[in-house]
Amino acid sequence: MAVMLPREKWTDDRLDDLNKKVDDGFAETKAEMREGFARVDGEVKDLRRDMDERFDKVDERFDKVDARFDKIDERFEALNRALFNGAVVIVAALIGLKAF
């Protein structure tokens, strides 16, 4: 069985070495994080550009749909006029039959 014995003393040199290791580790981590964030920022910009292009296409499609609904509205208005005119003719015919 191995027994771990504590060191007799910690020297300033050993603490300085540990401090340098920690600082170096954080410096590497910061550099990696900067690279990662830069890469993510680039990808987000690409996504936004792609989304803008797609939404432009969607806007064009909605313009086409709006035009089709305008045509349908015109057809309903024409049908409404025809039904109203037909009702007027029927009422006039009934009044004409009653007059004889």
N, C-alpha and C. Protein backbone atom coordinates (compact mmCIF):
# COMPACT_ATOMS: atom_id res chain seq x y z
N MET A 1 0.84 -1.15 0.00
CA MET A 1 0.00 0.00 0.00
C MET A 1 0.90 1.23 0.00
N ALA A 2 0.56 2.19 -0.89
CA ALA A 2 1.38 3.39 -1.00
C ALA A 2 0.85 4.45 -0.06
N VAL A 3 1.75 5.10 0.58
CA VAL A 3 1.38 6.17 1.50
C VAL A 3 1.92 7.47 0.94
N MET A 4 1.04 8.46 0.83
CA MET A 4 1.42 9.76 0.30
C MET A 4 1.84 10.64 1.46
N LEU A 5 3.01 11.13 1.42
CA LEU A 5 3.49 12.03 2.45
C LEU A 5 3.47 13.46 1.92
N PRO A 6 3.01 14.40 2.70
CA PRO A 6 2.98 15.79 2.24
C PRO A 6 4.40 16.33 2.13
N ARG A 7 4.57 17.26 1.21
CA ARG A 7 5.88 17.88 1.05
C ARG A 7 6.19 18.70 2.30
N GLU A 8 7.42 18.83 2.54
CA GLU A 8 7.85 19.56 3.72
C GLU A 8 7.51 21.03 3.61
N LYS A 9 7.77 21.61 2.43
CA LYS A 9 7.48 23.03 2.30
C LYS A 9 7.21 23.38 0.84
N TRP A 10 6.43 24.39 0.66
CA TRP A 10 6.13 24.92 -0.67
C TRP A 10 7.02 26.14 -0.86
N THR A 11 7.73 26.15 -1.94
CA THR A 11 8.60 27.29 -2.17
C THR A 11 7.91 28.29 -3.07
N ASP A 12 8.41 29.50 -3.06
CA ASP A 12 7.86 30.53 -3.93
C ASP A 12 8.01 30.15 -5.39
N ASP A 13 9.09 29.47 -5.73
CA ASP A 13 9.29 29.04 -7.12
C ASP A 13 8.20 28.07 -7.56
N ARG A 14 7.84 27.16 -6.70
CA ARG A 14 6.78 26.20 -7.04
C ARG A 14 5.44 26.92 -7.20
N LEU A 15 5.16 27.88 -6.34
CA LEU A 15 3.92 28.64 -6.46
C LEU A 15 3.93 29.48 -7.73
N ASP A 16 5.08 30.04 -8.08
CA ASP A 16 5.17 30.81 -9.32
C ASP A 16 4.94 29.92 -10.53
N ASP A 17 5.50 28.70 -10.49
CA ASP A 17 5.27 27.76 -11.59
C ASP A 17 3.79 27.41 -11.72
N LEU A 18 3.13 27.17 -10.61
CA LEU A 18 1.70 26.85 -10.62
C LEU A 18 0.90 28.03 -11.16
N ASN A 19 1.26 29.21 -10.72
CA ASN A 19 0.57 30.41 -11.18
C ASN A 19 0.74 30.57 -12.69
N LYS A 20 1.93 30.32 -13.22
CA LYS A 20 2.18 30.41 -14.65
C LYS A 20 1.37 29.36 -15.41
N LYS A 21 1.29 28.15 -14.89
CA LYS A 21 0.49 27.10 -15.54
C LYS A 21 -0.97 27.52 -15.64
N VAL A 22 -1.48 28.06 -14.53
CA VAL A 22 -2.88 28.49 -14.50
C VAL A 22 -3.10 29.62 -15.50
N ASP A 23 -2.19 30.61 -15.50
CA ASP A 23 -2.32 31.73 -16.45
C ASP A 23 -2.25 31.25 -17.89
N ASP A 24 -1.32 30.34 -18.18
CA ASP A 24 -1.21 29.79 -19.54
C ASP A 24 -2.47 29.04 -19.94
N GLY A 25 -3.02 28.28 -19.01
CA GLY A 25 -4.25 27.54 -19.29
C GLY A 25 -5.41 28.47 -19.61
N PHE A 26 -5.54 29.54 -18.83
CA PHE A 26 -6.61 30.51 -19.10
C PHE A 26 -6.37 31.24 -20.41
N ALA A 27 -5.13 31.53 -20.73
CA ALA A 27 -4.82 32.21 -22.00
C ALA A 27 -5.22 31.31 -23.18
N GLU A 28 -4.92 30.03 -23.10
CA GLU A 28 -5.31 29.10 -24.16
C GLU A 28 -6.82 29.01 -24.28
N THR A 29 -7.48 28.94 -23.13
CA THR A 29 -8.93 28.85 -23.12
C THR A 29 -9.56 30.10 -23.73
N LYS A 30 -9.04 31.27 -23.38
CA LYS A 30 -9.57 32.51 -23.95
C LYS A 30 -9.38 32.54 -25.46
N ALA A 31 -8.21 32.09 -25.92
CA ALA A 31 -7.96 32.08 -27.36
C ALA A 31 -8.93 31.14 -28.07
N GLU A 32 -9.14 29.96 -27.51
CA GLU A 32 -10.08 29.00 -28.11
C GLU A 32 -11.49 29.57 -28.10
N MET A 33 -11.86 30.24 -27.03
CA MET A 33 -13.21 30.82 -26.96
C MET A 33 -13.38 31.92 -28.00
N ARG A 34 -12.36 32.76 -28.18
CA ARG A 34 -12.44 33.81 -29.19
C ARG A 34 -12.61 33.21 -30.58
N GLU A 35 -11.84 32.17 -30.88
CA GLU A 35 -11.96 31.51 -32.18
C GLU A 35 -13.36 30.91 -32.35
N GLY A 36 -13.85 30.28 -31.30
CA GLY A 36 -15.18 29.67 -31.37
C GLY A 36 -16.27 30.71 -31.56
N PHE A 37 -16.19 31.81 -30.81
CA PHE A 37 -17.19 32.86 -30.95
C PHE A 37 -17.12 33.50 -32.34
N ALA A 38 -15.92 33.69 -32.86
CA ALA A 38 -15.78 34.25 -34.21
C ALA A 38 -16.42 33.32 -35.24
N ARG A 39 -16.22 32.02 -35.08
CA ARG A 39 -16.80 31.05 -36.01
C ARG A 39 -18.33 31.07 -35.91
N VAL A 40 -18.84 31.12 -34.68
CA VAL A 40 -20.30 31.15 -34.49
C VAL A 40 -20.88 32.43 -35.05
N ASP A 41 -20.19 33.57 -34.84
CA ASP A 41 -20.67 34.83 -35.40
C ASP A 41 -20.76 34.75 -36.92
N GLY A 42 -19.75 34.15 -37.54
CA GLY A 42 -19.79 34.00 -39.00
C GLY A 42 -20.95 33.13 -39.45
N GLU A 43 -21.18 32.05 -38.74
CA GLU A 43 -22.29 31.16 -39.09
C GLU A 43 -23.64 31.84 -38.90
N VAL A 44 -23.76 32.64 -37.85
CA VAL A 44 -25.02 33.36 -37.62
C VAL A 44 -25.25 34.37 -38.73
N LYS A 45 -24.19 35.06 -39.16
CA LYS A 45 -24.34 36.01 -40.28
C LYS A 45 -24.79 35.28 -41.54
N ASP A 46 -24.21 34.12 -41.80
CA ASP A 46 -24.61 33.34 -42.97
C ASP A 46 -26.07 32.93 -42.88
N LEU A 47 -26.48 32.49 -41.69
CA LEU A 47 -27.88 32.09 -41.50
C LEU A 47 -28.83 33.26 -41.71
N ARG A 48 -28.45 34.41 -41.19
CA ARG A 48 -29.32 35.58 -41.37
C ARG A 48 -29.44 35.95 -42.84
N ARG A 49 -28.33 35.88 -43.58
CA ARG A 49 -28.38 36.20 -45.00
C ARG A 49 -29.29 35.20 -45.73
N ASP A 50 -29.14 33.92 -45.40
CA ASP A 50 -29.98 32.89 -46.02
C ASP A 50 -31.45 33.11 -45.67
N MET A 51 -31.71 33.46 -44.42
CA MET A 51 -33.11 33.68 -44.01
C MET A 51 -33.69 34.89 -44.73
N ASP A 52 -32.90 35.96 -44.88
CA ASP A 52 -33.39 37.13 -45.60
C ASP A 52 -33.74 36.77 -47.04
N GLU A 53 -32.89 35.97 -47.69
CA GLU A 53 -33.18 35.55 -49.07
C GLU A 53 -34.45 34.72 -49.13
N ARG A 54 -34.62 33.82 -48.17
CA ARG A 54 -35.81 32.98 -48.18
C ARG A 54 -37.06 33.79 -47.90
N PHE A 55 -36.98 34.76 -46.98
CA PHE A 55 -38.16 35.58 -46.69
C PHE A 55 -38.51 36.45 -47.88
N ASP A 56 -37.52 36.87 -48.67
CA ASP A 56 -37.83 37.61 -49.90
C ASP A 56 -38.65 36.74 -50.84
N LYS A 57 -38.28 35.47 -50.94
CA LYS A 57 -39.04 34.54 -51.79
C LYS A 57 -40.44 34.33 -51.24
N VAL A 58 -40.56 34.24 -49.93
CA VAL A 58 -41.89 34.08 -49.30
C VAL A 58 -42.75 35.31 -49.59
N ASP A 59 -42.15 36.49 -49.51
CA ASP A 59 -42.89 37.71 -49.81
C ASP A 59 -43.41 37.69 -51.25
N GLU A 60 -42.58 37.21 -52.17
CA GLU A 60 -43.02 37.12 -53.57
C GLU A 60 -44.20 36.16 -53.70
N ARG A 61 -44.15 35.05 -52.98
CA ARG A 61 -45.25 34.09 -53.03
C ARG A 61 -46.53 34.69 -52.47
N PHE A 62 -46.41 35.44 -51.37
CA PHE A 62 -47.60 36.07 -50.80
C PHE A 62 -48.18 37.10 -51.76
N ASP A 63 -47.34 37.80 -52.50
CA ASP A 63 -47.85 38.74 -53.50
C ASP A 63 -48.68 38.00 -54.55
N LYS A 64 -48.21 36.83 -54.97
CA LYS A 64 -48.97 36.03 -55.94
C LYS A 64 -50.30 35.57 -55.34
N VAL A 65 -50.27 35.15 -54.08
CA VAL A 65 -51.50 34.71 -53.42
C VAL A 65 -52.48 35.87 -53.30
N ASP A 66 -51.97 37.06 -52.96
CA ASP A 66 -52.84 38.24 -52.87
C ASP A 66 -53.51 38.52 -54.21
N ALA A 67 -52.76 38.39 -55.30
CA ALA A 67 -53.33 38.62 -56.63
C ALA A 67 -54.44 37.61 -56.92
N ARG A 68 -54.23 36.37 -56.52
CA ARG A 68 -55.26 35.34 -56.75
C ARG A 68 -56.51 35.64 -55.93
N PHE A 69 -56.32 36.08 -54.68
CA PHE A 69 -57.49 36.43 -53.85
C PHE A 69 -58.23 37.62 -54.44
N ASP A 70 -57.51 38.57 -55.04
CA ASP A 70 -58.18 39.70 -55.68
C ASP A 70 -59.07 39.21 -56.82
N LYS A 71 -58.58 38.24 -57.60
CA LYS A 71 -59.39 37.69 -58.69
C LYS A 71 -60.63 36.99 -58.15
N ILE A 72 -60.46 36.26 -57.05
CA ILE A 72 -61.61 35.56 -56.44
C ILE A 72 -62.61 36.57 -55.92
N ASP A 73 -62.12 37.66 -55.33
CA ASP A 73 -63.03 38.71 -54.85
C ASP A 73 -63.85 39.29 -56.00
N GLU A 74 -63.20 39.51 -57.14
CA GLU A 74 -63.91 40.04 -58.31
C GLU A 74 -65.00 39.07 -58.77
N ARG A 75 -64.70 37.78 -58.74
CA ARG A 75 -65.68 36.79 -59.16
C ARG A 75 -66.87 36.77 -58.21
N PHE A 76 -66.61 36.87 -56.89
CA PHE A 76 -67.73 36.90 -55.94
C PHE A 76 -68.57 38.16 -56.12
N GLU A 77 -67.93 39.29 -56.42
CA GLU A 77 -68.69 40.51 -56.65
C GLU A 77 -69.57 40.37 -57.89
N ALA A 78 -69.04 39.76 -58.94
CA ALA A 78 -69.83 39.54 -60.15
C ALA A 78 -71.00 38.60 -59.87
N LEU A 79 -70.76 37.55 -59.11
CA LEU A 79 -71.84 36.63 -58.74
C LEU A 79 -72.90 37.33 -57.91
N ASN A 80 -72.46 38.18 -57.00
CA ASN A 80 -73.40 38.91 -56.15
C ASN A 80 -74.29 39.83 -57.01
N ARG A 81 -73.69 40.52 -57.97
CA ARG A 81 -74.47 41.38 -58.87
C ARG A 81 -75.48 40.56 -59.68
N ALA A 82 -75.03 39.42 -60.18
CA ALA A 82 -75.92 38.57 -60.98
C ALA A 82 -77.09 38.07 -60.14
N LEU A 83 -76.82 37.64 -58.91
CA LEU A 83 -77.91 37.16 -58.06
C LEU A 83 -78.87 38.29 -57.69
N PHE A 84 -78.34 39.49 -57.45
CA PHE A 84 -79.20 40.62 -57.12
C PHE A 84 -80.09 40.98 -58.32
N ASN A 85 -79.47 41.02 -59.51
CA ASN A 85 -80.26 41.32 -60.72
C ASN A 85 -81.32 40.25 -60.96
N GLY A 86 -80.97 39.00 -60.74
CA GLY A 86 -81.96 37.93 -60.90
C GLY A 86 -83.11 38.07 -59.92
N ALA A 87 -82.80 38.45 -58.67
CA ALA A 87 -83.86 38.64 -57.67
C ALA A 87 -84.77 39.80 -58.07
N VAL A 88 -84.19 40.87 -58.61
CA VAL A 88 -85.00 42.02 -59.06
C VAL A 88 -85.92 41.59 -60.19
N VAL A 89 -85.43 40.81 -61.12
CA VAL A 89 -86.26 40.34 -62.25
C VAL A 89 -87.39 39.46 -61.73
N ILE A 90 -87.10 38.57 -60.79
CA ILE A 90 -88.13 37.68 -60.25
C ILE A 90 -89.21 38.49 -59.53
N VAL A 91 -88.80 39.46 -58.72
CA VAL A 91 -89.77 40.29 -58.00
C VAL A 91 -90.61 41.08 -59.01
N ALA A 92 -89.97 41.63 -60.04
CA ALA A 92 -90.71 42.39 -61.06
C ALA A 92 -91.69 41.46 -61.78
N ALA A 93 -91.29 40.24 -62.06
CA ALA A 93 -92.18 39.30 -62.74
C ALA A 93 -93.37 38.96 -61.85
N LEU A 94 -93.13 38.76 -60.55
CA LEU A 94 -94.25 38.46 -59.64
C LEU A 94 -95.21 39.63 -59.54
N ILE A 95 -94.65 40.82 -59.50
CA ILE A 95 -95.52 42.02 -59.45
C ILE A 95 -96.31 42.12 -60.77
N GLY A 96 -95.66 41.83 -61.87
CA GLY A 96 -96.34 41.88 -63.17
C GLY A 96 -97.45 40.83 -63.26
N LEU A 97 -97.27 39.64 -62.70
CA LEU A 97 -98.31 38.63 -62.71
C LEU A 97 -99.49 39.04 -61.84
N LYS A 98 -99.18 39.71 -60.74
CA LYS A 98 -100.26 40.13 -59.83
C LYS A 98 -101.09 41.25 -60.46
N ALA A 99 -100.48 42.06 -61.30
CA ALA A 99 -101.16 43.19 -61.93
C ALA A 99 -102.17 42.72 -62.98
N PHE A 100 -102.01 41.60 -63.60
CA PHE A 100 -102.92 41.12 -64.62
C PHE A 100 -104.12 40.56 -64.00
